[in-house]
Amino acid sequence: LTDSDGAGLLIAALDKPFSFSALPYSDEQLEQALHPHELTESTATVVCISSRVLGVGTAGCGPRPLPVYVVRSEPASFGFVLCKVSPETADLAGLARCAVAEACYS
């Protein structure tokens, strides 16, 4: 996640993959708006980090996801690190692939 100057935040997995999103609105704001034009301009960035997410399909207008893809509400653990990114960081993808200690403390 970077601003227009290139400064920002790197979110890197420690041990296993995870899902994350960065949006200008919270889930509550998105749920309350019936149409996109009802969302007011936002300067916020709402970051959500999840161990797993349910795929598309709710049986509302099609089939439910296959049982293997259904996410149950149960305890889960995963690790991640947040690293400050400076405007001088040229290769964000390469930085994200580095070992966490190297990425954040070099």
N, C-alpha and C. Protein backbone atom coordinates (compact mmCIF):
# COMPACT_ATOMS: atom_id res chain seq x y z
N LEU A 1 0.86 -1.16 0.00
CA LEU A 1 0.00 0.00 0.00
C LEU A 1 0.90 1.22 0.00
N THR A 2 0.78 2.07 -1.01
CA THR A 2 1.60 3.28 -1.05
C THR A 2 0.76 4.48 -1.42
N ASP A 3 1.24 5.64 -1.02
CA ASP A 3 0.58 6.87 -1.41
C ASP A 3 1.17 7.36 -2.73
N SER A 4 0.76 8.51 -3.17
CA SER A 4 1.21 9.02 -4.47
C SER A 4 2.71 9.33 -4.49
N ASP A 5 3.33 9.49 -3.31
CA ASP A 5 4.77 9.75 -3.24
C ASP A 5 5.59 8.46 -3.15
N GLY A 6 4.92 7.31 -2.97
CA GLY A 6 5.64 6.04 -2.87
C GLY A 6 5.91 5.58 -1.46
N ALA A 7 5.49 6.33 -0.46
CA ALA A 7 5.65 5.92 0.94
C ALA A 7 4.45 5.06 1.33
N GLY A 8 4.69 4.06 2.19
CA GLY A 8 3.54 3.26 2.59
C GLY A 8 3.86 2.11 3.48
N LEU A 9 3.17 1.01 3.26
CA LEU A 9 3.18 -0.14 4.15
C LEU A 9 3.21 -1.41 3.33
N LEU A 10 4.09 -2.33 3.70
CA LEU A 10 4.16 -3.66 3.10
C LEU A 10 3.58 -4.64 4.10
N ILE A 11 2.66 -5.49 3.65
CA ILE A 11 2.08 -6.53 4.50
C ILE A 11 2.59 -7.86 3.96
N ALA A 12 3.36 -8.60 4.77
CA ALA A 12 3.98 -9.85 4.31
C ALA A 12 3.60 -11.01 5.21
N ALA A 13 3.32 -12.17 4.60
CA ALA A 13 2.99 -13.38 5.35
C ALA A 13 4.24 -13.94 6.00
N LEU A 14 4.09 -14.47 7.20
CA LEU A 14 5.20 -15.11 7.90
C LEU A 14 5.28 -16.60 7.60
N ASP A 15 4.15 -17.30 7.70
CA ASP A 15 4.22 -18.75 7.61
C ASP A 15 3.29 -19.37 6.58
N LYS A 16 2.14 -18.80 6.34
CA LYS A 16 1.23 -19.35 5.35
C LYS A 16 0.45 -18.21 4.71
N PRO A 17 -0.08 -18.43 3.53
CA PRO A 17 -0.80 -17.35 2.82
C PRO A 17 -2.01 -16.86 3.60
N PHE A 18 -2.39 -15.63 3.34
CA PHE A 18 -3.60 -15.05 3.91
C PHE A 18 -4.24 -14.16 2.87
N SER A 19 -5.39 -13.66 3.19
CA SER A 19 -6.11 -12.75 2.30
C SER A 19 -6.15 -11.38 2.94
N PHE A 20 -6.01 -10.34 2.12
CA PHE A 20 -6.18 -9.00 2.68
C PHE A 20 -6.78 -8.09 1.62
N SER A 21 -7.41 -7.06 2.10
CA SER A 21 -7.96 -6.04 1.21
C SER A 21 -7.64 -4.68 1.79
N ALA A 22 -7.56 -3.70 0.92
CA ALA A 22 -7.34 -2.31 1.33
C ALA A 22 -8.32 -1.46 0.53
N LEU A 23 -9.32 -0.96 1.20
CA LEU A 23 -10.40 -0.22 0.54
C LEU A 23 -10.60 1.13 1.22
N PRO A 24 -11.19 2.07 0.52
CA PRO A 24 -11.45 3.38 1.14
C PRO A 24 -12.68 3.41 2.04
N TYR A 25 -13.34 2.25 2.21
CA TYR A 25 -14.56 2.20 3.02
C TYR A 25 -14.55 0.97 3.91
N SER A 26 -15.23 1.07 5.05
CA SER A 26 -15.38 -0.08 5.94
C SER A 26 -16.50 -0.98 5.41
N ASP A 27 -16.55 -2.20 5.93
CA ASP A 27 -17.64 -3.12 5.55
C ASP A 27 -19.00 -2.52 5.87
N GLU A 28 -19.09 -1.84 7.00
CA GLU A 28 -20.36 -1.23 7.41
C GLU A 28 -20.79 -0.15 6.42
N GLN A 29 -19.86 0.68 5.98
CA GLN A 29 -20.20 1.72 5.01
C GLN A 29 -20.65 1.11 3.69
N LEU A 30 -19.96 0.09 3.24
CA LEU A 30 -20.33 -0.57 1.98
C LEU A 30 -21.69 -1.24 2.09
N GLU A 31 -21.97 -1.83 3.23
CA GLU A 31 -23.25 -2.50 3.42
C GLU A 31 -24.42 -1.52 3.45
N GLN A 32 -24.21 -0.33 4.02
CA GLN A 32 -25.28 0.66 4.13
C GLN A 32 -25.61 1.33 2.81
N ALA A 33 -24.64 1.42 1.92
CA ALA A 33 -24.87 2.09 0.63
C ALA A 33 -25.54 1.12 -0.34
N LEU A 34 -26.67 1.53 -0.88
CA LEU A 34 -27.35 0.68 -1.85
C LEU A 34 -26.72 0.82 -3.24
N HIS A 35 -26.09 1.97 -3.49
CA HIS A 35 -25.49 2.25 -4.79
C HIS A 35 -24.15 2.96 -4.56
N PRO A 36 -23.18 2.79 -5.47
CA PRO A 36 -21.87 3.42 -5.29
C PRO A 36 -21.91 4.93 -5.09
N HIS A 37 -22.83 5.63 -5.75
CA HIS A 37 -22.89 7.09 -5.61
C HIS A 37 -23.29 7.53 -4.19
N GLU A 38 -23.78 6.60 -3.38
CA GLU A 38 -24.15 6.94 -2.01
C GLU A 38 -22.96 6.95 -1.06
N LEU A 39 -21.82 6.49 -1.52
CA LEU A 39 -20.61 6.52 -0.70
C LEU A 39 -19.96 7.89 -0.83
N THR A 40 -19.70 8.53 0.30
CA THR A 40 -19.05 9.83 0.27
C THR A 40 -17.55 9.65 0.06
N GLU A 41 -16.90 10.66 -0.48
CA GLU A 41 -15.47 10.58 -0.72
C GLU A 41 -14.73 10.30 0.59
N SER A 42 -13.74 9.43 0.50
CA SER A 42 -13.03 9.00 1.70
C SER A 42 -11.53 9.22 1.53
N THR A 43 -10.87 9.62 2.62
CA THR A 43 -9.40 9.71 2.63
C THR A 43 -8.80 8.58 3.45
N ALA A 44 -9.65 7.70 3.96
CA ALA A 44 -9.20 6.58 4.79
C ALA A 44 -8.79 5.39 3.93
N THR A 45 -8.01 4.51 4.53
CA THR A 45 -7.73 3.20 3.94
C THR A 45 -8.02 2.17 5.01
N VAL A 46 -8.99 1.31 4.75
CA VAL A 46 -9.40 0.28 5.69
C VAL A 46 -8.74 -1.03 5.25
N VAL A 47 -7.85 -1.56 6.10
CA VAL A 47 -7.13 -2.79 5.79
C VAL A 47 -7.77 -3.93 6.58
N CYS A 48 -8.13 -5.00 5.88
CA CYS A 48 -8.67 -6.21 6.51
C CYS A 48 -7.74 -7.36 6.17
N ILE A 49 -7.29 -8.08 7.19
CA ILE A 49 -6.39 -9.22 7.02
C ILE A 49 -7.12 -10.44 7.57
N SER A 50 -7.26 -11.47 6.74
CA SER A 50 -8.03 -12.66 7.11
C SER A 50 -7.23 -13.93 6.84
N SER A 51 -7.43 -14.92 7.69
CA SER A 51 -6.75 -16.19 7.47
C SER A 51 -7.34 -16.94 6.28
N ARG A 52 -8.64 -16.80 6.07
CA ARG A 52 -9.33 -17.45 4.96
C ARG A 52 -10.55 -16.64 4.58
N VAL A 53 -11.01 -16.80 3.35
CA VAL A 53 -12.23 -16.15 2.91
C VAL A 53 -13.09 -17.16 2.15
N LEU A 54 -14.38 -16.96 2.20
CA LEU A 54 -15.32 -17.80 1.48
C LEU A 54 -15.36 -17.36 0.03
N GLY A 55 -15.33 -18.30 -0.87
CA GLY A 55 -15.42 -17.99 -2.29
C GLY A 55 -16.78 -17.47 -2.68
N VAL A 56 -16.93 -17.12 -3.92
CA VAL A 56 -18.19 -16.60 -4.44
C VAL A 56 -19.22 -17.73 -4.45
N GLY A 57 -20.42 -17.41 -4.05
CA GLY A 57 -21.50 -18.40 -4.07
C GLY A 57 -22.20 -18.46 -2.74
N THR A 58 -23.47 -18.12 -2.72
CA THR A 58 -24.23 -18.13 -1.48
C THR A 58 -25.54 -18.88 -1.61
N ALA A 59 -25.76 -19.47 -2.78
CA ALA A 59 -27.02 -20.14 -3.11
C ALA A 59 -28.15 -19.14 -3.29
N GLY A 60 -27.82 -17.84 -3.29
CA GLY A 60 -28.84 -16.82 -3.53
C GLY A 60 -29.27 -16.78 -4.98
N CYS A 61 -28.34 -17.00 -5.90
CA CYS A 61 -28.67 -17.00 -7.32
C CYS A 61 -27.83 -18.03 -8.06
N GLY A 62 -27.46 -19.07 -7.38
CA GLY A 62 -26.65 -20.12 -7.98
C GLY A 62 -26.27 -21.13 -6.93
N PRO A 63 -25.37 -22.02 -7.28
CA PRO A 63 -25.01 -23.06 -6.31
C PRO A 63 -24.14 -22.53 -5.18
N ARG A 64 -24.17 -23.24 -4.06
CA ARG A 64 -23.28 -22.94 -2.95
C ARG A 64 -21.88 -23.41 -3.32
N PRO A 65 -20.85 -22.88 -2.66
CA PRO A 65 -19.50 -23.40 -2.89
C PRO A 65 -19.44 -24.88 -2.51
N LEU A 66 -18.55 -25.61 -3.13
CA LEU A 66 -18.35 -27.01 -2.76
C LEU A 66 -17.92 -27.09 -1.30
N PRO A 67 -18.27 -28.15 -0.60
CA PRO A 67 -17.95 -28.26 0.83
C PRO A 67 -16.49 -27.98 1.17
N VAL A 68 -15.57 -28.39 0.33
CA VAL A 68 -14.15 -28.18 0.60
C VAL A 68 -13.80 -26.68 0.64
N TYR A 69 -14.60 -25.83 0.00
CA TYR A 69 -14.33 -24.39 -0.07
C TYR A 69 -15.15 -23.56 0.91
N VAL A 70 -16.00 -24.20 1.69
CA VAL A 70 -16.80 -23.49 2.68
C VAL A 70 -15.92 -23.18 3.88
N VAL A 71 -15.93 -21.93 4.31
CA VAL A 71 -15.12 -21.50 5.46
C VAL A 71 -16.02 -21.50 6.69
N ARG A 72 -15.65 -22.28 7.67
CA ARG A 72 -16.40 -22.36 8.93
C ARG A 72 -15.82 -21.35 9.92
N SER A 73 -16.67 -20.89 10.81
CA SER A 73 -16.22 -19.98 11.86
C SER A 73 -15.54 -20.81 12.94
N GLU A 74 -14.22 -20.79 12.94
CA GLU A 74 -13.45 -21.54 13.92
C GLU A 74 -12.13 -20.82 14.16
N PRO A 75 -11.50 -21.08 15.29
CA PRO A 75 -10.23 -20.41 15.58
C PRO A 75 -9.19 -20.71 14.49
N ALA A 76 -8.40 -19.72 14.18
CA ALA A 76 -7.34 -19.88 13.18
C ALA A 76 -6.17 -19.00 13.60
N SER A 77 -4.99 -19.37 13.18
CA SER A 77 -3.83 -18.54 13.47
C SER A 77 -2.97 -18.44 12.23
N PHE A 78 -2.36 -17.30 12.06
CA PHE A 78 -1.44 -17.05 10.96
C PHE A 78 -0.59 -15.86 11.35
N GLY A 79 0.53 -15.72 10.70
CA GLY A 79 1.43 -14.62 11.06
C GLY A 79 1.66 -13.69 9.89
N PHE A 80 1.85 -12.43 10.21
CA PHE A 80 2.18 -11.44 9.20
C PHE A 80 2.99 -10.34 9.85
N VAL A 81 3.65 -9.57 9.02
CA VAL A 81 4.44 -8.45 9.52
C VAL A 81 4.09 -7.22 8.68
N LEU A 82 4.09 -6.08 9.33
CA LEU A 82 3.87 -4.80 8.65
C LEU A 82 5.20 -4.07 8.59
N CYS A 83 5.62 -3.68 7.42
CA CYS A 83 6.90 -2.99 7.24
C CYS A 83 6.67 -1.63 6.59
N LYS A 84 7.33 -0.64 7.10
CA LYS A 84 7.28 0.69 6.50
C LYS A 84 8.02 0.65 5.15
N VAL A 85 7.44 1.29 4.14
CA VAL A 85 8.05 1.36 2.82
C VAL A 85 8.36 2.83 2.53
N SER A 86 9.57 3.09 2.10
CA SER A 86 9.95 4.47 1.79
C SER A 86 9.79 4.72 0.30
N PRO A 87 9.71 5.98 -0.10
CA PRO A 87 9.59 6.30 -1.53
C PRO A 87 10.77 5.79 -2.36
N GLU A 88 11.91 5.54 -1.71
CA GLU A 88 13.10 5.07 -2.43
C GLU A 88 13.04 3.58 -2.75
N THR A 89 12.08 2.85 -2.19
CA THR A 89 11.96 1.42 -2.44
C THR A 89 11.47 1.21 -3.86
N ALA A 90 12.35 0.67 -4.72
CA ALA A 90 12.02 0.53 -6.13
C ALA A 90 11.29 -0.76 -6.45
N ASP A 91 11.65 -1.85 -5.79
CA ASP A 91 11.12 -3.16 -6.15
C ASP A 91 10.26 -3.71 -5.02
N LEU A 92 9.01 -3.28 -4.95
CA LEU A 92 8.12 -3.74 -3.88
C LEU A 92 7.85 -5.23 -3.99
N ALA A 93 7.67 -5.75 -5.20
CA ALA A 93 7.40 -7.18 -5.36
C ALA A 93 8.60 -7.99 -4.87
N GLY A 94 9.80 -7.57 -5.20
CA GLY A 94 10.99 -8.25 -4.74
C GLY A 94 11.12 -8.17 -3.23
N LEU A 95 10.82 -7.03 -2.67
CA LEU A 95 10.88 -6.86 -1.23
C LEU A 95 9.89 -7.80 -0.54
N ALA A 96 8.70 -7.94 -1.09
CA ALA A 96 7.69 -8.82 -0.50
C ALA A 96 8.12 -10.27 -0.52
N ARG A 97 8.95 -10.66 -1.49
CA ARG A 97 9.39 -12.05 -1.59
C ARG A 97 10.59 -12.35 -0.69
N CYS A 98 11.23 -11.34 -0.15
CA CYS A 98 12.39 -11.55 0.72
C CYS A 98 11.98 -12.15 2.05
N ALA A 99 12.93 -12.70 2.76
CA ALA A 99 12.67 -13.15 4.12
C ALA A 99 12.21 -11.95 4.93
N VAL A 100 11.31 -12.18 5.87
CA VAL A 100 10.73 -11.07 6.63
C VAL A 100 11.79 -10.25 7.32
N ALA A 101 12.72 -10.87 7.98
CA ALA A 101 13.75 -10.12 8.70
C ALA A 101 14.55 -9.25 7.74
N GLU A 102 14.89 -9.80 6.60
CA GLU A 102 15.65 -9.02 5.62
C GLU A 102 14.82 -7.87 5.06
N ALA A 103 13.55 -8.13 4.80
CA ALA A 103 12.67 -7.12 4.22
C ALA A 103 12.45 -5.94 5.16
N CYS A 104 12.36 -6.21 6.43
CA CYS A 104 11.97 -5.16 7.36
C CYS A 104 13.13 -4.52 8.12
N TYR A 105 14.25 -5.18 8.18
CA TYR A 105 15.31 -4.68 9.04
C TYR A 105 16.60 -4.40 8.32
N SER A 106 16.59 -4.40 6.99
CA SER A 106 17.84 -4.09 6.27
C SER A 106 17.89 -2.62 5.93
